[in-house]
Amino acid sequence: MSCTVEQREQVQSAARAIREEVPTAAVDVIAPNASQYDAWTLEAVLRETTGVPPEVLRELALAELTLQPTPSQAEYQHVTATV
Protein backbone atom coordinates (compact mmCIF):
# COMPACT_ATOMS: atom_id res chain seq x y z
CA MET A 1 0.00 0.00 0.00
CA SER A 2 1.22 3.48 -0.76
CA CYS A 3 1.66 6.14 1.87
CA THR A 4 -1.29 8.07 0.42
CA VAL A 5 -3.61 5.07 0.71
CA GLU A 6 -2.51 4.43 4.29
CA GLN A 7 -3.05 8.08 5.21
CA ARG A 8 -6.49 8.11 3.60
CA GLU A 9 -7.44 4.99 5.57
CA GLN A 10 -6.17 6.57 8.81
CA VAL A 11 -8.39 9.60 8.29
CA GLN A 12 -11.41 7.54 7.20
CA SER A 13 -11.07 5.28 10.24
CA ALA A 14 -10.96 8.27 12.58
CA ALA A 15 -14.00 9.79 10.84
CA ARG A 16 -16.02 6.59 11.34
CA ALA A 17 -15.01 6.38 15.00
CA ILE A 18 -15.94 10.01 15.68
CA ARG A 19 -19.35 9.52 14.06
CA GLU A 20 -19.95 6.59 16.44
CA GLU A 21 -18.60 8.28 19.59
CA VAL A 22 -20.21 11.74 19.69
CA PRO A 23 -23.19 13.57 18.19
CA THR A 24 -22.08 15.12 14.91
CA ALA A 25 -23.66 17.45 12.38
CA ALA A 26 -21.09 16.44 9.74
CA VAL A 27 -17.82 14.57 9.37
CA ASP A 28 -15.89 14.87 6.10
CA VAL A 29 -12.66 13.44 4.74
CA ILE A 30 -10.90 15.82 2.36
CA ALA A 31 -8.23 14.81 -0.14
CA PRO A 32 -4.91 16.67 -0.12
CA ASN A 33 -5.61 18.43 -3.42
CA ALA A 34 -8.81 19.94 -1.95
CA SER A 35 -7.45 20.68 1.53
CA GLN A 36 -5.95 23.98 2.59
CA TYR A 37 -3.37 21.93 4.52
CA ASP A 38 -2.21 19.96 1.45
CA ALA A 39 -2.75 16.72 3.41
CA TRP A 40 -5.52 14.21 4.07
CA THR A 41 -7.85 16.16 6.32
CA LEU A 42 -10.71 15.28 8.64
CA GLU A 43 -13.27 18.00 9.30
CA ALA A 44 -15.98 17.41 11.88
CA VAL A 45 -18.79 19.56 13.18
CA LEU A 46 -19.82 18.38 16.64
CA ARG A 47 -23.20 19.01 18.21
CA GLU A 48 -24.09 19.40 21.86
CA THR A 49 -20.58 20.12 23.10
CA THR A 50 -18.30 22.90 24.22
CA GLY A 51 -14.71 22.25 23.34
CA VAL A 52 -13.37 19.06 21.83
CA PRO A 53 -14.52 16.02 23.81
CA PRO A 54 -11.91 13.54 25.11
CA GLU A 55 -13.44 10.79 22.94
CA VAL A 56 -12.65 12.80 19.81
CA LEU A 57 -9.12 13.62 20.96
CA ARG A 58 -8.58 9.92 21.68
CA GLU A 59 -9.66 8.89 18.18
CA LEU A 60 -7.44 11.54 16.60
CA ALA A 61 -4.48 10.35 18.68
CA LEU A 62 -5.10 6.68 17.84
CA ALA A 63 -5.17 7.57 14.13
CA GLU A 64 -2.01 9.68 14.58
CA LEU A 65 -3.71 12.82 13.29
CA THR A 66 -2.65 16.36 14.13
CA LEU A 67 -5.34 18.66 15.50
CA GLN A 68 -5.42 21.99 13.67
CA PRO A 69 -6.60 25.17 15.40
CA THR A 70 -10.24 25.79 14.45
CA PRO A 71 -12.55 28.25 16.20
CA SER A 72 -16.02 27.11 17.24
CA GLN A 73 -18.97 28.69 15.47
CA ALA A 74 -22.35 29.35 17.05
CA GLU A 75 -23.51 26.25 18.95
CA TYR A 76 -21.24 23.88 17.05
CA GLN A 77 -17.66 22.84 17.72
CA HIS A 78 -15.55 22.47 14.59
CA VAL A 79 -12.63 20.04 14.58
CA THR A 80 -9.98 19.85 11.87
CA ALA A 81 -7.16 17.30 11.89
CA THR A 82 -4.55 16.25 9.34
CA VAL A 83 -2.28 13.30 8.78
PDB file of N, CA and C in Angstrom:
ATOM      1  N   MET A   1       0.833  -1.177   0.000  1.00  0.00           N
ATOM      2  CA  MET A   1       0.000   0.000   0.000  1.00  0.00           C
ATOM      3  C   MET A   1       0.879   1.243   0.000  1.00  0.00           C
ATOM      4  N   SER A   2       0.437   2.244  -0.724  1.00  0.00           N
ATOM      5  CA  SER A   2       1.216   3.478  -0.757  1.00  0.00           C
ATOM      6  C   SER A   2       0.931   4.305   0.491  1.00  0.00           C
ATOM      7  N   CYS A   3       1.804   5.251   0.720  1.00  0.00           N
ATOM      8  CA  CYS A   3       1.663   6.136   1.870  1.00  0.00           C
ATOM      9  C   CYS A   3       0.334   6.896   1.798  1.00  0.00           C
ATOM     10  N   THR A   4      -0.043   7.321   0.599  1.00  0.00           N
ATOM     11  CA  THR A   4      -1.287   8.068   0.417  1.00  0.00           C
ATOM     12  C   THR A   4      -2.495   7.219   0.793  1.00  0.00           C
ATOM     13  N   VAL A   5      -2.507   5.970   0.385  1.00  0.00           N
ATOM     14  CA  VAL A   5      -3.614   5.073   0.707  1.00  0.00           C
ATOM     15  C   VAL A   5      -3.680   4.851   2.212  1.00  0.00           C
ATOM     16  N   GLU A   6      -2.552   4.632   2.847  1.00  0.00           N
ATOM     17  CA  GLU A   6      -2.515   4.430   4.293  1.00  0.00           C
ATOM     18  C   GLU A   6      -3.021   5.672   5.029  1.00  0.00           C
ATOM     19  N   GLN A   7      -2.608   6.841   4.570  1.00  0.00           N
ATOM     20  CA  GLN A   7      -3.047   8.079   5.206  1.00  0.00           C
ATOM     21  C   GLN A   7      -4.550   8.279   5.029  1.00  0.00           C
ATOM     22  N   ARG A   8      -5.050   7.994   3.839  1.00  0.00           N
ATOM     23  CA  ARG A   8      -6.491   8.113   3.603  1.00  0.00           C
ATOM     24  C   ARG A   8      -7.256   7.185   4.544  1.00  0.00           C
ATOM     25  N   GLU A   9      -6.773   5.954   4.684  1.00  0.00           N
ATOM     26  CA  GLU A   9      -7.436   4.991   5.566  1.00  0.00           C
ATOM     27  C   GLU A   9      -7.376   5.431   7.025  1.00  0.00           C
ATOM     28  N   GLN A  10      -6.277   6.052   7.443  1.00  0.00           N
ATOM     29  CA  GLN A  10      -6.167   6.570   8.808  1.00  0.00           C
ATOM     30  C   GLN A  10      -7.262   7.597   9.069  1.00  0.00           C
ATOM     31  N   VAL A  11      -7.410   8.526   8.131  1.00  0.00           N
ATOM     32  CA  VAL A  11      -8.387   9.602   8.294  1.00  0.00           C
ATOM     33  C   VAL A  11      -9.813   9.042   8.235  1.00  0.00           C
ATOM     34  N   GLN A  12     -10.076   8.132   7.313  1.00  0.00           N
ATOM     35  CA  GLN A  12     -11.411   7.540   7.204  1.00  0.00           C
ATOM     36  C   GLN A  12     -11.779   6.753   8.459  1.00  0.00           C
ATOM     37  N   SER A  13     -10.830   6.040   9.015  1.00  0.00           N
ATOM     38  CA  SER A  13     -11.065   5.282  10.243  1.00  0.00           C
ATOM     39  C   SER A  13     -11.411   6.218  11.398  1.00  0.00           C
ATOM     40  N   ALA A  14     -10.674   7.299  11.525  1.00  0.00           N
ATOM     41  CA  ALA A  14     -10.959   8.271  12.584  1.00  0.00           C
ATOM     42  C   ALA A  14     -12.330   8.904  12.372  1.00  0.00           C
ATOM     43  N   ALA A  15     -12.686   9.192  11.138  1.00  0.00           N
ATOM     44  CA  ALA A  15     -13.999   9.787  10.840  1.00  0.00           C
ATOM     45  C   ALA A  15     -15.126   8.851  11.263  1.00  0.00           C
ATOM     46  N   ARG A  16     -14.994   7.569  10.939  1.00  0.00           N
ATOM     47  CA  ARG A  16     -16.017   6.589  11.344  1.00  0.00           C
ATOM     48  C   ARG A  16     -16.143   6.531  12.862  1.00  0.00           C
ATOM     49  N   ALA A  17     -15.011   6.482  13.543  1.00  0.00           N
ATOM     50  CA  ALA A  17     -15.012   6.375  15.004  1.00  0.00           C
ATOM     51  C   ALA A  17     -15.651   7.606  15.646  1.00  0.00           C
ATOM     52  N   ILE A  18     -15.365   8.782  15.118  1.00  0.00           N
ATOM     53  CA  ILE A  18     -15.939  10.007  15.683  1.00  0.00           C
ATOM     54  C   ILE A  18     -17.449  10.017  15.484  1.00  0.00           C
ATOM     55  N   ARG A  19     -17.902   9.593  14.308  1.00  0.00           N
ATOM     56  CA  ARG A  19     -19.354   9.525  14.056  1.00  0.00           C
ATOM     57  C   ARG A  19     -20.044   8.619  15.076  1.00  0.00           C
ATOM     58  N   GLU A  20     -19.365   7.554  15.489  1.00  0.00           N
ATOM     59  CA  GLU A  20     -19.946   6.594  16.436  1.00  0.00           C
ATOM     60  C   GLU A  20     -19.861   7.067  17.885  1.00  0.00           C
ATOM     61  N   GLU A  21     -18.864   7.895  18.200  1.00  0.00           N
ATOM     62  CA  GLU A  21     -18.600   8.279  19.591  1.00  0.00           C
ATOM     63  C   GLU A  21     -19.397   9.477  20.086  1.00  0.00           C
ATOM     64  N   VAL A  22     -19.581  10.489  19.246  1.00  0.00           N
ATOM     65  CA  VAL A  22     -20.206  11.737  19.695  1.00  0.00           C
ATOM     66  C   VAL A  22     -21.247  12.204  18.684  1.00  0.00           C
ATOM     67  N   PRO A  23     -22.212  13.018  19.130  1.00  0.00           N
ATOM     68  CA  PRO A  23     -23.194  13.571  18.189  1.00  0.00           C
ATOM     69  C   PRO A  23     -22.513  14.529  17.208  1.00  0.00           C
ATOM     70  N   THR A  24     -22.702  14.290  15.942  1.00  0.00           N
ATOM     71  CA  THR A  24     -22.079  15.124  14.914  1.00  0.00           C
ATOM     72  C   THR A  24     -23.128  15.689  13.963  1.00  0.00           C
ATOM     73  N   ALA A  25     -22.841  16.867  13.437  1.00  0.00           N
ATOM     74  CA  ALA A  25     -23.665  17.447  12.376  1.00  0.00           C
ATOM     75  C   ALA A  25     -23.092  17.017  11.031  1.00  0.00           C
ATOM     76  N   ALA A  26     -21.761  16.869  10.973  1.00  0.00           N
ATOM     77  CA  ALA A  26     -21.092  16.442   9.737  1.00  0.00           C
ATOM     78  C   ALA A  26     -19.683  15.984  10.062  1.00  0.00           C
ATOM     79  N   VAL A  27     -19.212  15.006   9.294  1.00  0.00           N
ATOM     80  CA  VAL A  27     -17.819  14.569   9.365  1.00  0.00           C
ATOM     81  C   VAL A  27     -17.389  14.309   7.917  1.00  0.00           C
ATOM     82  N   ASP A  28     -16.351  15.002   7.483  1.00  0.00           N
ATOM     83  CA  ASP A  28     -15.886  14.874   6.103  1.00  0.00           C
ATOM     84  C   ASP A  28     -14.411  14.521   6.059  1.00  0.00           C
ATOM     85  N   VAL A  29     -14.055  13.744   5.044  1.00  0.00           N
ATOM     86  CA  VAL A  29     -12.658  13.442   4.744  1.00  0.00           C
ATOM     87  C   VAL A  29     -12.335  14.186   3.454  1.00  0.00           C
ATOM     88  N   ILE A  30     -11.266  14.981   3.496  1.00  0.00           N
ATOM     89  CA  ILE A  30     -10.904  15.820   2.360  1.00  0.00           C
ATOM     90  C   ILE A  30      -9.543  15.395   1.830  1.00  0.00           C
ATOM     91  N   ALA A  31      -9.478  15.207   0.516  1.00  0.00           N
ATOM     92  CA  ALA A  31      -8.229  14.806  -0.143  1.00  0.00           C
ATOM     93  C   ALA A  31      -7.223  15.955  -0.116  1.00  0.00           C
ATOM     94  N   PRO A  32      -5.940  15.635  -0.177  1.00  0.00           N
ATOM     95  CA  PRO A  32      -4.906  16.672  -0.120  1.00  0.00           C
ATOM     96  C   PRO A  32      -5.070  17.769  -1.172  1.00  0.00           C
ATOM     97  N   ASN A  33      -5.491  17.407  -2.370  1.00  0.00           N
ATOM     98  CA  ASN A  33      -5.609  18.427  -3.418  1.00  0.00           C
ATOM     99  C   ASN A  33      -6.767  19.392  -3.173  1.00  0.00           C
ATOM    100  N   ALA A  34      -7.681  19.068  -2.278  1.00  0.00           N
ATOM    101  CA  ALA A  34      -8.808  19.944  -1.953  1.00  0.00           C
ATOM    102  C   ALA A  34      -8.677  20.571  -0.567  1.00  0.00           C
ATOM    103  N   SER A  35      -7.639  20.205   0.163  1.00  0.00           N
ATOM    104  CA  SER A  35      -7.452  20.675   1.530  1.00  0.00           C
ATOM    105  C   SER A  35      -6.517  21.874   1.573  1.00  0.00           C
ATOM    106  N   GLN A  36      -6.834  22.829   2.425  1.00  0.00           N
ATOM    107  CA  GLN A  36      -5.952  23.984   2.594  1.00  0.00           C
ATOM    108  C   GLN A  36      -4.633  23.593   3.251  1.00  0.00           C
ATOM    109  N   TYR A  37      -4.581  22.401   3.844  1.00  0.00           N
ATOM    110  CA  TYR A  37      -3.373  21.928   4.518  1.00  0.00           C
ATOM    111  C   TYR A  37      -2.492  21.070   3.618  1.00  0.00           C
ATOM    112  N   ASP A  38      -2.946  20.792   2.396  1.00  0.00           N
ATOM    113  CA  ASP A  38      -2.207  19.963   1.446  1.00  0.00           C
ATOM    114  C   ASP A  38      -1.893  18.582   2.040  1.00  0.00           C
ATOM    115  N   ALA A  39      -2.878  18.034   2.760  1.00  0.00           N
ATOM    116  CA  ALA A  39      -2.747  16.721   3.410  1.00  0.00           C
ATOM    117  C   ALA A  39      -4.145  16.134   3.555  1.00  0.00           C
ATOM    118  N   TRP A  40      -4.224  14.807   3.778  1.00  0.00           N
ATOM    119  CA  TRP A  40      -5.517  14.207   4.071  1.00  0.00           C
ATOM    120  C   TRP A  40      -6.054  14.885   5.320  1.00  0.00           C
ATOM    121  N   THR A  41      -7.290  15.343   5.257  1.00  0.00           N
ATOM    122  CA  THR A  41      -7.852  16.163   6.325  1.00  0.00           C
ATOM    123  C   THR A  41      -9.204  15.623   6.762  1.00  0.00           C
ATOM    124  N   LEU A  42      -9.424  15.634   8.058  1.00  0.00           N
ATOM    125  CA  LEU A  42     -10.711  15.284   8.637  1.00  0.00           C
ATOM    126  C   LEU A  42     -11.317  16.579   9.167  1.00  0.00           C
ATOM    127  N   GLU A  43     -12.542  16.849   8.768  1.00  0.00           N
ATOM    128  CA  GLU A  43     -13.270  17.998   9.301  1.00  0.00           C
ATOM    129  C   GLU A  43     -14.554  17.477   9.922  1.00  0.00           C
ATOM    130  N   ALA A  44     -14.782  17.847  11.166  1.00  0.00           N
ATOM    131  CA  ALA A  44     -15.983  17.406  11.876  1.00  0.00           C
ATOM    132  C   ALA A  44     -16.669  18.605  12.512  1.00  0.00           C
ATOM    133  N   VAL A  45     -17.980  18.558  12.490  1.00  0.00           N
ATOM    134  CA  VAL A  45     -18.791  19.555  13.184  1.00  0.00           C
ATOM    135  C   VAL A  45     -19.556  18.788  14.255  1.00  0.00           C
ATOM    136  N   LEU A  46     -19.245  19.103  15.506  1.00  0.00           N
ATOM    137  CA  LEU A  46     -19.819  18.383  16.641  1.00  0.00           C
ATOM    138  C   LEU A  46     -20.996  19.151  17.212  1.00  0.00           C
ATOM    139  N   ARG A  47     -22.021  18.409  17.585  1.00  0.00           N
ATOM    140  CA  ARG A  47     -23.200  19.006  18.209  1.00  0.00           C
ATOM    141  C   ARG A  47     -23.148  18.765  19.713  1.00  0.00           C
ATOM    142  N   GLU A  48     -23.876  19.604  20.425  1.00  0.00           N
ATOM    143  CA  GLU A  48     -24.090  19.396  21.856  1.00  0.00           C
ATOM    144  C   GLU A  48     -22.799  19.293  22.664  1.00  0.00           C
ATOM    145  N   THR A  49     -21.836  20.153  22.357  1.00  0.00           N
ATOM    146  CA  THR A  49     -20.576  20.116  23.100  1.00  0.00           C
ATOM    147  C   THR A  49     -19.932  21.491  23.129  1.00  0.00           C
ATOM    148  N   THR A  50     -19.163  21.728  24.167  1.00  0.00           N
ATOM    149  CA  THR A  50     -18.301  22.902  24.217  1.00  0.00           C
ATOM    150  C   THR A  50     -16.886  22.368  24.293  1.00  0.00           C
ATOM    151  N   GLY A  51     -16.060  22.788  23.411  1.00  0.00           N
ATOM    152  CA  GLY A  51     -14.713  22.252  23.337  1.00  0.00           C
ATOM    153  C   GLY A  51     -14.699  20.918  22.621  1.00  0.00           C
ATOM    154  N   VAL A  52     -13.528  20.352  22.504  1.00  0.00           N
ATOM    155  CA  VAL A  52     -13.365  19.061  21.829  1.00  0.00           C
ATOM    156  C   VAL A  52     -13.407  17.967  22.890  1.00  0.00           C
ATOM    157  N   PRO A  53     -14.383  17.069  22.804  1.00  0.00           N
ATOM    158  CA  PRO A  53     -14.518  16.018  23.814  1.00  0.00           C
ATOM    159  C   PRO A  53     -13.320  15.063  23.834  1.00  0.00           C
ATOM    160  N   PRO A  54     -13.019  14.490  24.994  1.00  0.00           N
ATOM    161  CA  PRO A  54     -11.912  13.544  25.108  1.00  0.00           C
ATOM    162  C   PRO A  54     -12.032  12.363  24.143  1.00  0.00           C
ATOM    163  N   GLU A  55     -13.258  11.914  23.864  1.00  0.00           N
ATOM    164  CA  GLU A  55     -13.444  10.786  22.942  1.00  0.00           C
ATOM    165  C   GLU A  55     -12.918  11.126  21.548  1.00  0.00           C
ATOM    166  N   VAL A  56     -13.127  12.369  21.131  1.00  0.00           N
ATOM    167  CA  VAL A  56     -12.652  12.804  19.812  1.00  0.00           C
ATOM    168  C   VAL A  56     -11.132  12.902  19.821  1.00  0.00           C
ATOM    169  N   LEU A  57     -10.586  13.505  20.862  1.00  0.00           N
ATOM    170  CA  LEU A  57      -9.124  13.621  20.958  1.00  0.00           C
ATOM    171  C   LEU A  57      -8.470  12.238  20.967  1.00  0.00           C
ATOM    172  N   ARG A  58      -9.108  11.292  21.637  1.00  0.00           N
ATOM    173  CA  ARG A  58      -8.581   9.919  21.683  1.00  0.00           C
ATOM    174  C   ARG A  58      -8.531   9.316  20.287  1.00  0.00           C
ATOM    175  N   GLU A  59      -9.621   9.458  19.528  1.00  0.00           N
ATOM    176  CA  GLU A  59      -9.659   8.885  18.179  1.00  0.00           C
ATOM    177  C   GLU A  59      -8.632   9.550  17.266  1.00  0.00           C
ATOM    178  N   LEU A  60      -8.451  10.847  17.400  1.00  0.00           N
ATOM    179  CA  LEU A  60      -7.442  11.541  16.597  1.00  0.00           C
ATOM    180  C   LEU A  60      -6.038  11.042  16.953  1.00  0.00           C
ATOM    181  N   ALA A  61      -5.789  10.847  18.243  1.00  0.00           N
ATOM    182  CA  ALA A  61      -4.482  10.349  18.676  1.00  0.00           C
ATOM    183  C   ALA A  61      -4.238   8.926  18.195  1.00  0.00           C
ATOM    184  N   LEU A  62      -5.252   8.064  18.297  1.00  0.00           N
ATOM    185  CA  LEU A  62      -5.099   6.681  17.836  1.00  0.00           C
ATOM    186  C   LEU A  62      -4.806   6.604  16.341  1.00  0.00           C
ATOM    187  N   ALA A  63      -5.390   7.541  15.579  1.00  0.00           N
ATOM    188  CA  ALA A  63      -5.171   7.569  14.132  1.00  0.00           C
ATOM    189  C   ALA A  63      -3.915   8.363  13.760  1.00  0.00           C
ATOM    190  N   GLU A  64      -3.226   8.882  14.775  1.00  0.00           N
ATOM    191  CA  GLU A  64      -2.008   9.675  14.582  1.00  0.00           C
ATOM    192  C   GLU A  64      -2.261  10.908  13.720  1.00  0.00           C
ATOM    193  N   LEU A  65      -3.383  11.584  13.992  1.00  0.00           N
ATOM    194  CA  LEU A  65      -3.713  12.819  13.291  1.00  0.00           C
ATOM    195  C   LEU A  65      -3.297  14.011  14.128  1.00  0.00           C
ATOM    196  N   THR A  66      -3.044  15.123  13.462  1.00  0.00           N
ATOM    197  CA  THR A  66      -2.654  16.359  14.126  1.00  0.00           C
ATOM    198  C   THR A  66      -3.839  17.302  14.157  1.00  0.00           C
ATOM    199  N   LEU A  67      -4.229  17.731  15.333  1.00  0.00           N
ATOM    200  CA  LEU A  67      -5.341  18.661  15.503  1.00  0.00           C
ATOM    201  C   LEU A  67      -4.905  20.037  15.027  1.00  0.00           C
ATOM    202  N   GLN A  68      -5.707  20.652  14.175  1.00  0.00           N
ATOM    203  CA  GLN A  68      -5.423  21.990  13.669  1.00  0.00           C
ATOM    204  C   GLN A  68      -6.302  22.990  14.415  1.00  0.00           C
ATOM    205  N   PRO A  69      -5.778  24.179  14.687  1.00  0.00           N
ATOM    206  CA  PRO A  69      -6.602  25.168  15.395  1.00  0.00           C
ATOM    207  C   PRO A  69      -7.809  25.566  14.551  1.00  0.00           C
ATOM    208  N   THR A  70      -8.997  25.448  15.134  1.00  0.00           N
ATOM    209  CA  THR A  70     -10.238  25.788  14.445  1.00  0.00           C
ATOM    210  C   THR A  70     -11.189  26.398  15.468  1.00  0.00           C
ATOM    211  N   PRO A  71     -11.634  27.636  15.241  1.00  0.00           N
ATOM    212  CA  PRO A  71     -12.552  28.248  16.203  1.00  0.00           C
ATOM    213  C   PRO A  71     -13.946  27.629  16.114  1.00  0.00           C
ATOM    214  N   SER A  72     -14.637  27.597  17.251  1.00  0.00           N
ATOM    215  CA  SER A  72     -16.016  27.112  17.240  1.00  0.00           C
ATOM    216  C   SER A  72     -16.900  28.190  16.623  1.00  0.00           C
ATOM    217  N   GLN A  73     -18.042  27.753  16.093  1.00  0.00           N
ATOM    218  CA  GLN A  73     -18.965  28.690  15.470  1.00  0.00           C
ATOM    219  C   GLN A  73     -20.364  28.404  15.980  1.00  0.00           C
ATOM    220  N   ALA A  74     -20.999  29.448  16.503  1.00  0.00           N
ATOM    221  CA  ALA A  74     -22.354  29.347  17.046  1.00  0.00           C
ATOM    222  C   ALA A  74     -22.411  28.230  18.083  1.00  0.00           C
ATOM    223  N   GLU A  75     -23.364  27.320  17.963  1.00  0.00           N
ATOM    224  CA  GLU A  75     -23.508  26.249  18.950  1.00  0.00           C
ATOM    225  C   GLU A  75     -22.739  24.993  18.570  1.00  0.00           C
ATOM    226  N   TYR A  76     -21.967  25.050  17.512  1.00  0.00           N
ATOM    227  CA  TYR A  76     -21.237  23.879  17.046  1.00  0.00           C
ATOM    228  C   TYR A  76     -19.743  24.018  17.291  1.00  0.00           C
ATOM    229  N   GLN A  77     -19.105  22.897  17.582  1.00  0.00           N
ATOM    230  CA  GLN A  77     -17.655  22.844  17.724  1.00  0.00           C
ATOM    231  C   GLN A  77     -17.072  22.248  16.455  1.00  0.00           C
ATOM    232  N   HIS A  78     -16.192  22.961  15.805  1.00  0.00           N
ATOM    233  CA  HIS A  78     -15.545  22.472  14.590  1.00  0.00           C
ATOM    234  C   HIS A  78     -14.199  21.859  14.960  1.00  0.00           C
ATOM    235  N   VAL A  79     -13.890  20.724  14.352  1.00  0.00           N
ATOM    236  CA  VAL A  79     -12.629  20.036  14.581  1.00  0.00           C
ATOM    237  C   VAL A  79     -11.998  19.756  13.230  1.00  0.00           C
ATOM    238  N   THR A  80     -10.731  20.128  13.093  1.00  0.00           N
ATOM    239  CA  THR A  80      -9.985  19.849  11.872  1.00  0.00           C
ATOM    240  C   THR A  80      -8.699  19.151  12.276  1.00  0.00           C
ATOM    241  N   ALA A  81      -8.385  18.045  11.590  1.00  0.00           N
ATOM    242  CA  ALA A  81      -7.164  17.297  11.890  1.00  0.00           C
ATOM    243  C   ALA A  81      -6.571  16.800  10.577  1.00  0.00           C
ATOM    244  N   THR A  82      -5.255  16.690  10.550  1.00  0.00           N
ATOM    245  CA  THR A  82      -4.548  16.245   9.341  1.00  0.00           C
ATOM    246  C   THR A  82      -3.605  15.102   9.671  1.00  0.00           C
ATOM    247  N   VAL A  83      -3.250  14.364   8.624  1.00  0.00           N
ATOM    248  CA  VAL A  83      -2.275  13.298   8.784  1.00  0.00           C
ATOM    249  C   VAL A  83      -0.999  13.682   8.067  1.00  0.00           C
TER     250      VAL A  83
END
